[in-house]
């Protein structure tokens, strides 16, 4: 049986406010560094977009009661904006292979709003292509973030060499049946098509009366065929953008949005983001279908509109999908601070 949502599922550390302030300082350092380099403010994480798409989210009216919650409580079709990206805070050549993400902004959403998003009617979901976060909590995240801040200004030539070495190391690990999130995060991610990826929220959110993690899974044949498909990045700094534009020039894509309900608080912790929830205890189940028609996947005009003009945050949403756990609490102010920085430096408003 799904565990019912209760605020007491969260247990912030006594010094969490201090930890979050240190995270904000490190992220601000990344933003200041990249602004100095580019003369234009970009996100402090997931700075480079590869696809900026518009589509629609179709919610079925036949969901069982435990899944018919929040946004998914009644049938309907919602416009959506999707932003596919890679995780560093600097805009890198695609031969430097790093984890990927997708941010989904669902529009025309009804319901009681989360604090700070009262003027909006969107519900954002932020996902990456791994089922669990690299570290358990905000305090453990600081070390990696400080390293990222220190290496943000490292010449790309050095990063390309390091990425090639790390990809080789990751292949060795995988050859013996393993996988290293650390190697992938540092530049050892396989050079594969971004549209073949499955994405996860990694950390939980309220799911109406319950609690869940979400995933976005390719289901249309053209997308399924791209899983693990190699992309040649040699001499192509924007190879992933080119690959997305080539696909959506003539074909669309469909994904399922799936929810994994919390059923066991011992094996499915809310505060430890590094532990995948066992799917044998609670499988991911489909709650909606995301459909994108053929279109231009990335161009400068769309980048101006979405990259510069929009902010994606799990705290842009309704109370029925309140973000949970330390990593989600950290995102509240850090994402807002990044949006404020971009707005102040670029001289244009950033909306939720």
C-alpha atoms as a PDB file:
ATOM      1  CA  UNK A   1       0.000   0.000   0.000  1.00  0.00           C
ATOM      2  CA  UNK A   2       1.274   3.513  -0.756  1.00  0.00           C
ATOM      3  CA  UNK A   3       2.498   5.476   2.236  1.00  0.00           C
ATOM      4  CA  UNK A   4       0.343   8.535   2.856  1.00  0.00           C
ATOM      5  CA  UNK A   5       2.023  11.918   2.616  1.00  0.00           C
ATOM      6  CA  UNK A   6       2.957  13.388   5.982  1.00  0.00           C
ATOM      7  CA  UNK A   7       5.209  16.440   6.556  1.00  0.00           C
ATOM      8  CA  UNK A   8       7.035  14.392   9.178  1.00  0.00           C
ATOM      9  CA  UNK A   9       8.555  12.257   6.407  1.00  0.00           C
ATOM     10  CA  UNK A  10      11.089  15.080   6.079  1.00  0.00           C
ATOM     11  CA  UNK A  11      13.790  15.594   8.706  1.00  0.00           C
ATOM     12  CA  UNK A  12      16.085  18.561   7.889  1.00  0.00           C
ATOM     13  CA  UNK A  13      19.531  18.570   9.490  1.00  0.00           C
ATOM     14  CA  UNK A  14      19.954  21.117  12.295  1.00  0.00           C
ATOM     15  CA  UNK A  15      22.614  23.018  10.313  1.00  0.00           C
ATOM     16  CA  UNK A  16      20.833  22.812   6.944  1.00  0.00           C
ATOM     17  CA  UNK A  17      20.469  26.598   6.587  1.00  0.00           C
ATOM     18  CA  UNK A  18      24.245  26.992   6.856  1.00  0.00           C
ATOM     19  CA  UNK A  19      24.783  24.204   4.320  1.00  0.00           C
ATOM     20  CA  UNK A  20      22.400  25.808   1.839  1.00  0.00           C
ATOM     21  CA  UNK A  21      24.164  29.152   2.203  1.00  0.00           C
ATOM     22  CA  UNK A  22      27.462  27.463   1.303  1.00  0.00           C
ATOM     23  CA  UNK A  23      25.835  25.846  -1.738  1.00  0.00           C
ATOM     24  CA  UNK A  24      24.553  29.226  -2.868  1.00  0.00           C
ATOM     25  CA  UNK A  25      28.047  30.706  -2.537  1.00  0.00           C
ATOM     26  CA  UNK A  26      29.590  27.968  -4.702  1.00  0.00           C
ATOM     27  CA  UNK A  27      26.885  28.280  -7.358  1.00  0.00           C
ATOM     28  CA  UNK A  28      27.240  32.062  -7.389  1.00  0.00           C
ATOM     29  CA  UNK A  29      30.976  31.604  -8.018  1.00  0.00           C
ATOM     30  CA  UNK A  30      30.178  29.469 -11.070  1.00  0.00           C
ATOM     31  CA  UNK A  31      27.729  32.078 -12.379  1.00  0.00           C
ATOM     32  CA  UNK A  32      30.202  34.943 -11.894  1.00  0.00           C
ATOM     33  CA  UNK A  33      32.956  32.985 -13.648  1.00  0.00           C
ATOM     34  CA  UNK A  34      30.895  32.098 -16.695  1.00  0.00           C
ATOM     35  CA  UNK A  35      29.461  35.617 -16.961  1.00  0.00           C
ATOM     36  CA  UNK A  36      33.006  36.989 -17.027  1.00  0.00           C
ATOM     37  CA  UNK A  37      33.921  34.503 -19.775  1.00  0.00           C
ATOM     38  CA  UNK A  38      30.808  34.863 -21.967  1.00  0.00           C
ATOM     39  CA  UNK A  39      29.567  38.384 -21.239  1.00  0.00           C
ATOM     40  CA  UNK A  40      26.166  36.737 -20.870  1.00  0.00           C
ATOM     41  CA  UNK A  41      24.668  35.056 -17.814  1.00  0.00           C
ATOM     42  CA  UNK A  42      23.817  31.352 -18.033  1.00  0.00           C
ATOM     43  CA  UNK A  43      22.484  28.854 -15.508  1.00  0.00           C
ATOM     44  CA  UNK A  44      24.836  27.871 -12.703  1.00  0.00           C
ATOM     45  CA  UNK A  45      24.077  24.219 -13.541  1.00  0.00           C
ATOM     46  CA  UNK A  46      22.742  22.723 -16.776  1.00  0.00           C
ATOM     47  CA  UNK A  47      23.945  25.782 -18.665  1.00  0.00           C
ATOM     48  CA  UNK A  48      23.968  24.286 -22.159  1.00  0.00           C
ATOM     49  CA  UNK A  49      20.682  23.373 -23.804  1.00  0.00           C
ATOM     50  CA  UNK A  50      20.523  20.867 -26.659  1.00  0.00           C
ATOM     51  CA  UNK A  51      16.800  20.836 -27.383  1.00  0.00           C
ATOM     52  CA  UNK A  52      14.014  23.305 -26.629  1.00  0.00           C
ATOM     53  CA  UNK A  53      10.693  21.756 -27.499  1.00  0.00           C
ATOM     54  CA  UNK A  54       6.979  22.412 -27.221  1.00  0.00           C
ATOM     55  CA  UNK A  55       4.467  19.617 -26.915  1.00  0.00           C
ATOM     56  CA  UNK A  56       1.557  18.432 -24.829  1.00  0.00           C
ATOM     57  CA  UNK A  57       1.013  16.228 -21.802  1.00  0.00           C
ATOM     58  CA  UNK A  58      -2.009  13.944 -22.060  1.00  0.00           C
ATOM     59  CA  UNK A  59      -3.437  12.700 -18.775  1.00  0.00           C
ATOM     60  CA  UNK A  60      -5.730   9.685 -18.929  1.00  0.00           C
ATOM     61  CA  UNK A  61      -9.080   9.655 -17.170  1.00  0.00           C
ATOM     62  CA  UNK A  62      -8.786   5.964 -16.268  1.00  0.00           C
ATOM     63  CA  UNK A  63      -6.008   6.044 -13.659  1.00  0.00           C
ATOM     64  CA  UNK A  64      -6.530   4.066 -10.432  1.00  0.00           C
ATOM     65  CA  UNK A  65      -7.182   6.207  -7.320  1.00  0.00           C
ATOM     66  CA  UNK A  66      -3.615   6.024  -5.988  1.00  0.00           C
ATOM     67  CA  UNK A  67      -2.292   7.469  -9.280  1.00  0.00           C
ATOM     68  CA  UNK A  68      -5.123   9.927  -9.966  1.00  0.00           C
ATOM     69  CA  UNK A  69      -3.497  12.561  -7.764  1.00  0.00           C
ATOM     70  CA  UNK A  70      -2.614  16.243  -8.128  1.00  0.00           C
ATOM     71  CA  UNK A  71      -1.990  17.183 -11.746  1.00  0.00           C
ATOM     72  CA  UNK A  72      -3.038  13.659 -12.718  1.00  0.00           C
ATOM     73  CA  UNK A  73      -6.361  13.659 -10.825  1.00  0.00           C
ATOM     74  CA  UNK A  74      -8.468  14.239 -13.925  1.00  0.00           C
ATOM     75  CA  UNK A  75      -8.217  13.731 -17.666  1.00  0.00           C
ATOM     76  CA  UNK A  76      -6.853  16.608 -19.679  1.00  0.00           C
ATOM     77  CA  UNK A  77      -4.255  17.871 -22.104  1.00  0.00           C
ATOM     78  CA  UNK A  78      -1.695  20.469 -21.028  1.00  0.00           C
ATOM     79  CA  UNK A  79       0.819  22.424 -23.142  1.00  0.00           C
ATOM     80  CA  UNK A  80       4.417  21.693 -22.142  1.00  0.00           C
ATOM     81  CA  UNK A  81       7.864  23.171 -22.679  1.00  0.00           C
ATOM     82  CA  UNK A  82      10.891  20.845 -22.527  1.00  0.00           C
ATOM     83  CA  UNK A  83      14.528  21.821 -22.111  1.00  0.00           C
ATOM     84  CA  UNK A  84      17.143  19.102 -22.729  1.00  0.00           C
ATOM     85  CA  UNK A  85      20.566  19.947 -21.291  1.00  0.00           C
ATOM     86  CA  UNK A  86      23.862  18.708 -19.857  1.00  0.00           C
ATOM     87  CA  UNK A  87      24.783  19.323 -16.251  1.00  0.00           C
ATOM     88  CA  UNK A  88      27.865  21.612 -16.018  1.00  0.00           C
ATOM     89  CA  UNK A  89      27.535  25.318 -15.361  1.00  0.00           C
ATOM     90  CA  UNK A  90      29.724  26.200 -18.337  1.00  0.00           C
ATOM     91  CA  UNK A  91      28.863  25.736 -22.024  1.00  0.00           C
ATOM     92  CA  UNK A  92      31.104  22.885 -23.144  1.00  0.00           C
ATOM     93  CA  UNK A  93      32.036  21.216 -26.407  1.00  0.00           C
ATOM     94  CA  UNK A  94      29.901  18.058 -26.744  1.00  0.00           C
ATOM     95  CA  UNK A  95      33.029  15.906 -26.953  1.00  0.00           C
ATOM     96  CA  UNK A  96      33.221  16.500 -23.187  1.00  0.00           C
ATOM     97  CA  UNK A  97      30.590  13.941 -22.309  1.00  0.00           C
ATOM     98  CA  UNK A  98      28.637  14.499 -19.112  1.00  0.00           C
ATOM     99  CA  UNK A  99      25.237  13.470 -17.672  1.00  0.00           C
ATOM    100  CA  UNK A 100      22.095  14.791 -19.335  1.00  0.00           C
ATOM    101  CA  UNK A 101      18.907  16.325 -18.002  1.00  0.00           C
ATOM    102  CA  UNK A 102      15.446  17.371 -19.057  1.00  0.00           C
ATOM    103  CA  UNK A 103      13.242  20.020 -17.446  1.00  0.00           C
ATOM    104  CA  UNK A 104       9.504  19.881 -18.120  1.00  0.00           C
ATOM    105  CA  UNK A 105       7.209  22.842 -17.631  1.00  0.00           C
ATOM    106  CA  UNK A 106       3.554  21.755 -17.682  1.00  0.00           C
ATOM    107  CA  UNK A 107       1.272  24.723 -18.312  1.00  0.00           C
ATOM    108  CA  UNK A 108      -2.349  25.516 -17.402  1.00  0.00           C
ATOM    109  CA  UNK A 109      -2.211  23.563 -14.143  1.00  0.00           C
ATOM    110  CA  UNK A 110      -4.864  24.129 -11.479  1.00  0.00           C
ATOM    111  CA  UNK A 111      -4.442  23.738  -7.730  1.00  0.00           C
ATOM    112  CA  UNK A 112      -3.163  25.410  -4.584  1.00  0.00           C
ATOM    113  CA  UNK A 113       0.249  26.889  -5.336  1.00  0.00           C
ATOM    114  CA  UNK A 114       3.559  26.363  -3.579  1.00  0.00           C
ATOM    115  CA  UNK A 115       4.919  29.443  -1.775  1.00  0.00           C
ATOM    116  CA  UNK A 116       6.640  31.767  -4.212  1.00  0.00           C
ATOM    117  CA  UNK A 117       4.848  30.464  -7.304  1.00  0.00           C
ATOM    118  CA  UNK A 118       1.412  31.943  -6.636  1.00  0.00           C
ATOM    119  CA  UNK A 119       1.495  34.047  -9.816  1.00  0.00           C
ATOM    120  CA  UNK A 120       2.144  31.022 -12.051  1.00  0.00           C
ATOM    121  CA  UNK A 121       0.034  28.227 -13.491  1.00  0.00           C
ATOM    122  CA  UNK A 122       2.814  25.778 -14.263  1.00  0.00           C
ATOM    123  CA  UNK A 123       4.123  22.561 -12.739  1.00  0.00           C
ATOM    124  CA  UNK A 124       7.814  21.917 -13.333  1.00  0.00           C
ATOM    125  CA  UNK A 125       9.569  18.550 -13.141  1.00  0.00           C
ATOM    126  CA  UNK A 126      13.388  18.474 -13.230  1.00  0.00           C
ATOM    127  CA  UNK A 127      15.028  15.173 -14.213  1.00  0.00           C
ATOM    128  CA  UNK A 128      18.402  13.636 -15.100  1.00  0.00           C
ATOM    129  CA  UNK A 129      19.406  10.358 -16.726  1.00  0.00           C
ATOM    130  CA  UNK A 130      20.113   8.343 -13.569  1.00  0.00           C
ATOM    131  CA  UNK A 131      17.615   6.904 -11.069  1.00  0.00           C
ATOM    132  CA  UNK A 132      19.355   8.274  -7.968  1.00  0.00           C
ATOM    133  CA  UNK A 133      21.355  11.364  -7.015  1.00  0.00           C
ATOM    134  CA  UNK A 134      25.136  11.083  -6.724  1.00  0.00           C
ATOM    135  CA  UNK A 135      25.172  11.948  -3.004  1.00  0.00           C
ATOM    136  CA  UNK A 136      22.650  11.548  -0.175  1.00  0.00           C
ATOM    137  CA  UNK A 137      22.098  15.136   0.949  1.00  0.00           C
ATOM    138  CA  UNK A 138      23.085  18.818   0.519  1.00  0.00           C
ATOM    139  CA  UNK A 139      26.076  18.594   2.885  1.00  0.00           C
ATOM    140  CA  UNK A 140      27.599  15.743   0.872  1.00  0.00           C
ATOM    141  CA  UNK A 141      26.956  17.692  -2.334  1.00  0.00           C
ATOM    142  CA  UNK A 142      29.134  20.641  -1.275  1.00  0.00           C
ATOM    143  CA  UNK A 143      32.444  18.873  -1.939  1.00  0.00           C
ATOM    144  CA  UNK A 144      31.616  18.036  -5.531  1.00  0.00           C
ATOM    145  CA  UNK A 145      30.138  21.444  -6.146  1.00  0.00           C
ATOM    146  CA  UNK A 146      33.265  23.192  -4.878  1.00  0.00           C
ATOM    147  CA  UNK A 147      35.349  21.073  -7.276  1.00  0.00           C
ATOM    148  CA  UNK A 148      32.972  21.995 -10.103  1.00  0.00           C
ATOM    149  CA  UNK A 149      33.305  25.683  -9.224  1.00  0.00           C
ATOM    150  CA  UNK A 150      37.116  25.436  -9.260  1.00  0.00           C
ATOM    151  CA  UNK A 151      37.191  23.679 -12.653  1.00  0.00           C
ATOM    152  CA  UNK A 152      34.572  25.843 -14.382  1.00  0.00           C
ATOM    153  CA  UNK A 153      37.271  28.012 -15.964  1.00  0.00           C
ATOM    154  CA  UNK A 154      39.563  25.117 -16.925  1.00  0.00           C
ATOM    155  CA  UNK A 155      40.486  25.250 -20.660  1.00  0.00           C
ATOM    156  CA  UNK A 156      38.234  23.027 -22.763  1.00  0.00           C
ATOM    157  CA  UNK A 157      41.206  21.275 -24.336  1.00  0.00           C
ATOM    158  CA  UNK A 158      42.159  19.821 -20.974  1.00  0.00           C
ATOM    159  CA  UNK A 159      38.559  18.831 -20.300  1.00  0.00           C
ATOM    160  CA  UNK A 160      38.373  17.019 -23.669  1.00  0.00           C
ATOM    161  CA  UNK A 161      41.440  14.942 -22.823  1.00  0.00           C
ATOM    162  CA  UNK A 162      40.103  14.164 -19.354  1.00  0.00           C
ATOM    163  CA  UNK A 163      36.707  13.216 -20.759  1.00  0.00           C
ATOM    164  CA  UNK A 164      38.247  10.751 -23.222  1.00  0.00           C
ATOM    165  CA  UNK A 165      40.241   9.119 -20.405  1.00  0.00           C
ATOM    166  CA  UNK A 166      37.183   8.935 -18.150  1.00  0.00           C
ATOM    167  CA  UNK A 167      35.051   7.378 -20.906  1.00  0.00           C
ATOM    168  CA  UNK A 168      37.667   4.670 -21.233  1.00  0.00           C
ATOM    169  CA  UNK A 169      37.633   4.076 -17.497  1.00  0.00           C
ATOM    170  CA  UNK A 170      33.847   3.872 -17.466  1.00  0.00           C
ATOM    171  CA  UNK A 171      33.923   1.266 -20.248  1.00  0.00           C
ATOM    172  CA  UNK A 172      36.268  -0.853 -18.127  1.00  0.00           C
ATOM    173  CA  UNK A 173      33.926  -0.589 -15.142  1.00  0.00           C
ATOM    174  CA  UNK A 174      30.903  -1.500 -17.271  1.00  0.00           C
ATOM    175  CA  UNK A 175      32.754  -4.438 -18.855  1.00  0.00           C
ATOM    176  CA  UNK A 176      32.800  -6.132 -15.455  1.00  0.00           C
ATOM    177  CA  UNK A 177      29.132  -5.393 -14.823  1.00  0.00           C
ATOM    178  CA  UNK A 178      29.465  -2.126 -12.912  1.00  0.00           C
ATOM    179  CA  UNK A 179      28.739   1.537 -13.410  1.00  0.00           C
ATOM    180  CA  UNK A 180      30.312   4.633 -11.883  1.00  0.00           C
ATOM    181  CA  UNK A 181      28.172   7.718 -11.368  1.00  0.00           C
ATOM    182  CA  UNK A 182      31.315   9.623 -10.362  1.00  0.00           C
ATOM    183  CA  UNK A 183      33.162   8.807 -13.595  1.00  0.00           C
ATOM    184  CA  UNK A 184      30.135   9.777 -15.681  1.00  0.00           C
ATOM    185  CA  UNK A 185      29.656  13.027 -13.782  1.00  0.00           C
ATOM    186  CA  UNK A 186      33.285  14.057 -14.335  1.00  0.00           C
ATOM    187  CA  UNK A 187      33.148  13.536 -18.099  1.00  0.00           C
ATOM    188  CA  UNK A 188      33.007   9.796 -18.668  1.00  0.00           C
ATOM    189  CA  UNK A 189      29.423   9.570 -19.890  1.00  0.00           C
ATOM    190  CA  UNK A 190      29.085   7.560 -23.129  1.00  0.00           C
ATOM    191  CA  UNK A 191      28.827   9.679 -26.276  1.00  0.00           C
ATOM    192  CA  UNK A 192      25.282   8.627 -27.122  1.00  0.00           C
ATOM    193  CA  UNK A 193      22.115  10.250 -28.457  1.00  0.00           C
ATOM    194  CA  UNK A 194      20.338  12.318 -25.814  1.00  0.00           C
ATOM    195  CA  UNK A 195      16.889  11.336 -27.136  1.00  0.00           C
ATOM    196  CA  UNK A 196      17.506   7.684 -26.290  1.00  0.00           C
ATOM    197  CA  UNK A 197      17.766   8.449 -22.576  1.00  0.00           C
ATOM    198  CA  UNK A 198      15.345   7.703 -19.761  1.00  0.00           C
ATOM    199  CA  UNK A 199      15.193  10.455 -17.138  1.00  0.00           C
ATOM    200  CA  UNK A 200      14.280  10.399 -13.430  1.00  0.00           C
ATOM    201  CA  UNK A 201      13.510  13.021 -10.781  1.00  0.00           C
ATOM    202  CA  UNK A 202      15.940  11.035  -8.564  1.00  0.00           C
ATOM    203  CA  UNK A 203      14.423  12.614  -5.455  1.00  0.00           C
ATOM    204  CA  UNK A 204      10.818  12.419  -4.243  1.00  0.00           C
ATOM    205  CA  UNK A 205       7.910  14.805  -4.332  1.00  0.00           C
ATOM    206  CA  UNK A 206       4.476  14.799  -2.866  1.00  0.00           C
ATOM    207  CA  UNK A 207       2.034  12.958  -5.100  1.00  0.00           C
ATOM    208  CA  UNK A 208      -1.303  14.195  -3.771  1.00  0.00           C
ATOM    209  CA  UNK A 209      -2.183  11.879  -0.882  1.00  0.00           C
ATOM    210  CA  UNK A 210       1.039   9.944  -1.421  1.00  0.00           C
ATOM    211  CA  UNK A 211       4.752  10.385  -2.258  1.00  0.00           C
ATOM    212  CA  UNK A 212       6.492   9.424  -5.499  1.00  0.00           C
ATOM    213  CA  UNK A 213       9.471   9.696  -7.777  1.00  0.00           C
ATOM    214  CA  UNK A 214       8.844  10.254 -11.505  1.00  0.00           C
ATOM    215  CA  UNK A 215      10.510   9.065 -14.687  1.00  0.00           C
ATOM    216  CA  UNK A 216      10.247  10.012 -18.361  1.00  0.00           C
ATOM    217  CA  UNK A 217      10.618   7.026 -20.697  1.00  0.00           C
ATOM    218  CA  UNK A 218      10.843   7.071 -24.523  1.00  0.00           C
ATOM    219  CA  UNK A 219       8.065   4.915 -26.024  1.00  0.00           C
ATOM    220  CA  UNK A 220       7.737   5.883 -29.693  1.00  0.00           C
ATOM    221  CA  UNK A 221       9.712   3.537 -31.977  1.00  0.00           C
ATOM    222  CA  UNK A 222      11.916   6.326 -33.400  1.00  0.00           C
ATOM    223  CA  UNK A 223      13.057   7.314 -29.896  1.00  0.00           C
ATOM    224  CA  UNK A 224      13.496   3.750 -28.667  1.00  0.00           C
ATOM    225  CA  UNK A 225      15.810   3.148 -31.644  1.00  0.00           C
ATOM    226  CA  UNK A 226      18.109   5.929 -30.376  1.00  0.00           C
ATOM    227  CA  UNK A 227      18.919   4.206 -27.072  1.00  0.00           C
ATOM    228  CA  UNK A 228      22.715   3.852 -26.798  1.00  0.00           C
ATOM    229  CA  UNK A 229      23.138   5.109 -30.394  1.00  0.00           C
ATOM    230  CA  UNK A 230      26.595   6.651 -30.745  1.00  0.00           C
ATOM    231  CA  UNK A 231      26.907  10.312 -31.722  1.00  0.00           C
ATOM    232  CA  UNK A 232      30.089  11.482 -33.466  1.00  0.00           C
ATOM    233  CA  UNK A 233      31.268  14.590 -31.609  1.00  0.00           C
ATOM    234  CA  UNK A 234      34.640  14.953 -33.366  1.00  0.00           C
ATOM    235  CA  UNK A 235      34.877  18.500 -34.688  1.00  0.00           C
ATOM    236  CA  UNK A 236      31.211  19.055 -33.787  1.00  0.00           C
ATOM    237  CA  UNK A 237      30.964  21.143 -30.604  1.00  0.00           C
ATOM    238  CA  UNK A 238      27.152  21.158 -30.812  1.00  0.00           C
ATOM    239  CA  UNK A 239      26.648  17.585 -31.985  1.00  0.00           C
ATOM    240  CA  UNK A 240      23.726  16.918 -29.624  1.00  0.00           C
ATOM    241  CA  UNK A 241      21.827  19.998 -30.853  1.00  0.00           C
ATOM    242  CA  UNK A 242      22.445  18.907 -34.424  1.00  0.00           C
ATOM    243  CA  UNK A 243      21.213  15.403 -33.632  1.00  0.00           C
ATOM    244  CA  UNK A 244      18.032  16.733 -32.032  1.00  0.00           C
ATOM    245  CA  UNK A 245      17.336  19.095 -34.925  1.00  0.00           C
ATOM    246  CA  UNK A 246      17.900  16.273 -37.412  1.00  0.00           C
ATOM    247  CA  UNK A 247      15.402  14.057 -35.590  1.00  0.00           C
ATOM    248  CA  UNK A 248      12.623  16.593 -35.070  1.00  0.00           C
ATOM    249  CA  UNK A 249      12.921  18.044 -38.567  1.00  0.00           C
ATOM    250  CA  UNK A 250      10.748  15.186 -39.825  1.00  0.00           C
ATOM    251  CA  UNK A 251       9.703  13.084 -36.829  1.00  0.00           C
ATOM    252  CA  UNK A 252       8.059  13.645 -33.490  1.00  0.00           C
ATOM    253  CA  UNK A 253       8.481  11.793 -30.257  1.00  0.00           C
ATOM    254  CA  UNK A 254       6.430  10.273 -27.455  1.00  0.00           C
ATOM    255  CA  UNK A 255       7.341   9.503 -23.857  1.00  0.00           C
ATOM    256  CA  UNK A 256       5.497   8.055 -20.893  1.00  0.00           C
ATOM    257  CA  UNK A 257       5.596   9.934 -17.615  1.00  0.00           C
ATOM    258  CA  UNK A 258       5.638   7.314 -14.855  1.00  0.00           C
ATOM    259  CA  UNK A 259       5.303   7.451 -11.067  1.00  0.00           C
ATOM    260  CA  UNK A 260       6.928   5.195  -8.460  1.00  0.00           C
ATOM    261  CA  UNK A 261       4.902   5.389  -5.253  1.00  0.00           C
ATOM    262  CA  UNK A 262       6.575   5.277  -1.848  1.00  0.00           C
ATOM    263  CA  UNK A 263       5.481   2.035  -0.170  1.00  0.00           C
ATOM    264  CA  UNK A 264       8.217   1.363   2.402  1.00  0.00           C
ATOM    265  CA  UNK A 265       9.957   4.161   4.302  1.00  0.00           C
ATOM    266  CA  UNK A 266      12.841   1.866   5.312  1.00  0.00           C
ATOM    267  CA  UNK A 267      13.897   0.840   1.810  1.00  0.00           C
ATOM    268  CA  UNK A 268      12.689   4.052   0.122  1.00  0.00           C
ATOM    269  CA  UNK A 269      14.148   6.934   2.145  1.00  0.00           C
ATOM    270  CA  UNK A 270      12.965  10.496   1.564  1.00  0.00           C
ATOM    271  CA  UNK A 271      16.078  12.278   2.860  1.00  0.00           C
ATOM    272  CA  UNK A 272      18.806  10.041   1.321  1.00  0.00           C
ATOM    273  CA  UNK A 273      18.715  10.923  -2.378  1.00  0.00           C
ATOM    274  CA  UNK A 274      21.489   8.475  -3.294  1.00  0.00           C
ATOM    275  CA  UNK A 275      19.409   5.327  -2.748  1.00  0.00           C
ATOM    276  CA  UNK A 276      17.288   4.119  -5.693  1.00  0.00           C
ATOM    277  CA  UNK A 277      13.871   2.940  -4.584  1.00  0.00           C
ATOM    278  CA  UNK A 278      13.516  -0.799  -5.321  1.00  0.00           C
ATOM    279  CA  UNK A 279      11.304  -1.296  -8.357  1.00  0.00           C
ATOM    280  CA  UNK A 280      10.488  -4.837  -7.248  1.00  0.00           C
ATOM    281  CA  UNK A 281       8.690  -3.267  -4.279  1.00  0.00           C
ATOM    282  CA  UNK A 282       7.072  -0.434  -6.222  1.00  0.00           C
ATOM    283  CA  UNK A 283       7.326  -0.332 -10.027  1.00  0.00           C
ATOM    284  CA  UNK A 284       7.088   2.829 -12.095  1.00  0.00           C
ATOM    285  CA  UNK A 285       3.543   3.136 -13.478  1.00  0.00           C
ATOM    286  CA  UNK A 286       2.315   5.335 -16.317  1.00  0.00           C
ATOM    287  CA  UNK A 287       0.352   8.456 -15.374  1.00  0.00           C
ATOM    288  CA  UNK A 288       0.516  10.496 -18.611  1.00  0.00           C
ATOM    289  CA  UNK A 289       1.859  10.597 -22.148  1.00  0.00           C
ATOM    290  CA  UNK A 290       4.070  13.400 -23.435  1.00  0.00           C
ATOM    291  CA  UNK A 291       3.789  14.040 -27.174  1.00  0.00           C
ATOM    292  CA  UNK A 292       6.010  16.302 -29.301  1.00  0.00           C
ATOM    293  CA  UNK A 293       5.346  16.981 -32.995  1.00  0.00           C
ATOM    294  CA  UNK A 294       8.080  17.669 -35.606  1.00  0.00           C
ATOM    295  CA  UNK A 295       9.580  21.138 -35.109  1.00  0.00           C
ATOM    296  CA  UNK A 296      12.843  23.029 -34.904  1.00  0.00           C
ATOM    297  CA  UNK A 297      14.428  21.589 -31.777  1.00  0.00           C
ATOM    298  CA  UNK A 298      16.968  24.374 -31.189  1.00  0.00           C
ATOM    299  CA  UNK A 299      17.691  27.780 -32.683  1.00  0.00           C
ATOM    300  CA  UNK A 300      18.805  31.170 -31.403  1.00  0.00           C
ATOM    301  CA  UNK A 301      15.279  32.604 -31.255  1.00  0.00           C
ATOM    302  CA  UNK A 302      14.003  29.715 -29.152  1.00  0.00           C
ATOM    303  CA  UNK A 303      17.101  29.908 -26.947  1.00  0.00           C
ATOM    304  CA  UNK A 304      16.383  33.585 -26.304  1.00  0.00           C
ATOM    305  CA  UNK A 305      12.795  32.744 -25.377  1.00  0.00           C
ATOM    306  CA  UNK A 306      13.411  29.659 -23.220  1.00  0.00           C
ATOM    307  CA  UNK A 307      17.064  29.656 -22.126  1.00  0.00           C
ATOM    308  CA  UNK A 308      17.100  33.345 -21.241  1.00  0.00           C
ATOM    309  CA  UNK A 309      13.426  33.947 -20.536  1.00  0.00           C
ATOM    310  CA  UNK A 310      12.342  30.904 -18.519  1.00  0.00           C
ATOM    311  CA  UNK A 311      13.291  29.331 -15.216  1.00  0.00           C
ATOM    312  CA  UNK A 312      12.627  25.667 -14.409  1.00  0.00           C
ATOM    313  CA  UNK A 313      12.362  24.617 -10.779  1.00  0.00           C
ATOM    314  CA  UNK A 314      10.520  21.853  -8.896  1.00  0.00           C
ATOM    315  CA  UNK A 315       9.300  24.691  -6.642  1.00  0.00           C
ATOM    316  CA  UNK A 316       7.269  26.118  -9.533  1.00  0.00           C
ATOM    317  CA  UNK A 317       4.174  24.067  -8.952  1.00  0.00           C
ATOM    318  CA  UNK A 318       1.233  23.060  -6.840  1.00  0.00           C
ATOM    319  CA  UNK A 319       1.137  21.947  -3.227  1.00  0.00           C
ATOM    320  CA  UNK A 320       0.010  18.492  -4.353  1.00  0.00           C
ATOM    321  CA  UNK A 321       3.511  18.024  -5.824  1.00  0.00           C
ATOM    322  CA  UNK A 322       5.592  19.680  -3.100  1.00  0.00           C
ATOM    323  CA  UNK A 323       9.312  18.753  -3.464  1.00  0.00           C
ATOM    324  CA  UNK A 324      10.608  16.617  -0.591  1.00  0.00           C
ATOM    325  CA  UNK A 325      13.988  15.914   0.970  1.00  0.00           C
ATOM    326  CA  UNK A 326      17.189  17.891   1.452  1.00  0.00           C
ATOM    327  CA  UNK A 327      18.252  18.013  -2.205  1.00  0.00           C
ATOM    328  CA  UNK A 328      14.843  19.381  -3.174  1.00  0.00           C
ATOM    329  CA  UNK A 329      14.914  21.931  -0.351  1.00  0.00           C
ATOM    330  CA  UNK A 330      18.336  23.056  -1.575  1.00  0.00           C
ATOM    331  CA  UNK A 331      16.954  23.623  -5.059  1.00  0.00           C
ATOM    332  CA  UNK A 332      14.376  26.126  -3.843  1.00  0.00           C
ATOM    333  CA  UNK A 333      16.746  29.033  -3.203  1.00  0.00           C
ATOM    334  CA  UNK A 334      19.631  27.979  -5.463  1.00  0.00           C
ATOM    335  CA  UNK A 335      17.413  27.833  -8.555  1.00  0.00           C
ATOM    336  CA  UNK A 336      15.751  31.123  -7.648  1.00  0.00           C
ATOM    337  CA  UNK A 337      19.150  32.772  -7.113  1.00  0.00           C
ATOM    338  CA  UNK A 338      20.344  31.562 -10.527  1.00  0.00           C
ATOM    339  CA  UNK A 339      17.248  33.055 -12.174  1.00  0.00           C
ATOM    340  CA  UNK A 340      17.742  36.384 -10.386  1.00  0.00           C
ATOM    341  CA  UNK A 341      21.392  36.494 -11.443  1.00  0.00           C
ATOM    342  CA  UNK A 342      20.518  35.888 -15.087  1.00  0.00           C
ATOM    343  CA  UNK A 343      17.796  38.511 -15.023  1.00  0.00           C
ATOM    344  CA  UNK A 344      20.067  41.133 -13.457  1.00  0.00           C
ATOM    345  CA  UNK A 345      23.033  40.509 -15.761  1.00  0.00           C
ATOM    346  CA  UNK A 346      21.123  40.021 -19.020  1.00  0.00           C
ATOM    347  CA  UNK A 347      18.692  42.870 -18.427  1.00  0.00           C
ATOM    348  CA  UNK A 348      15.591  40.832 -19.165  1.00  0.00           C
ATOM    349  CA  UNK A 349      12.979  39.252 -16.895  1.00  0.00           C
ATOM    350  CA  UNK A 350      13.023  35.517 -16.200  1.00  0.00           C
ATOM    351  CA  UNK A 351       9.609  34.013 -15.637  1.00  0.00           C
ATOM    352  CA  UNK A 352       8.661  30.762 -13.956  1.00  0.00           C
END
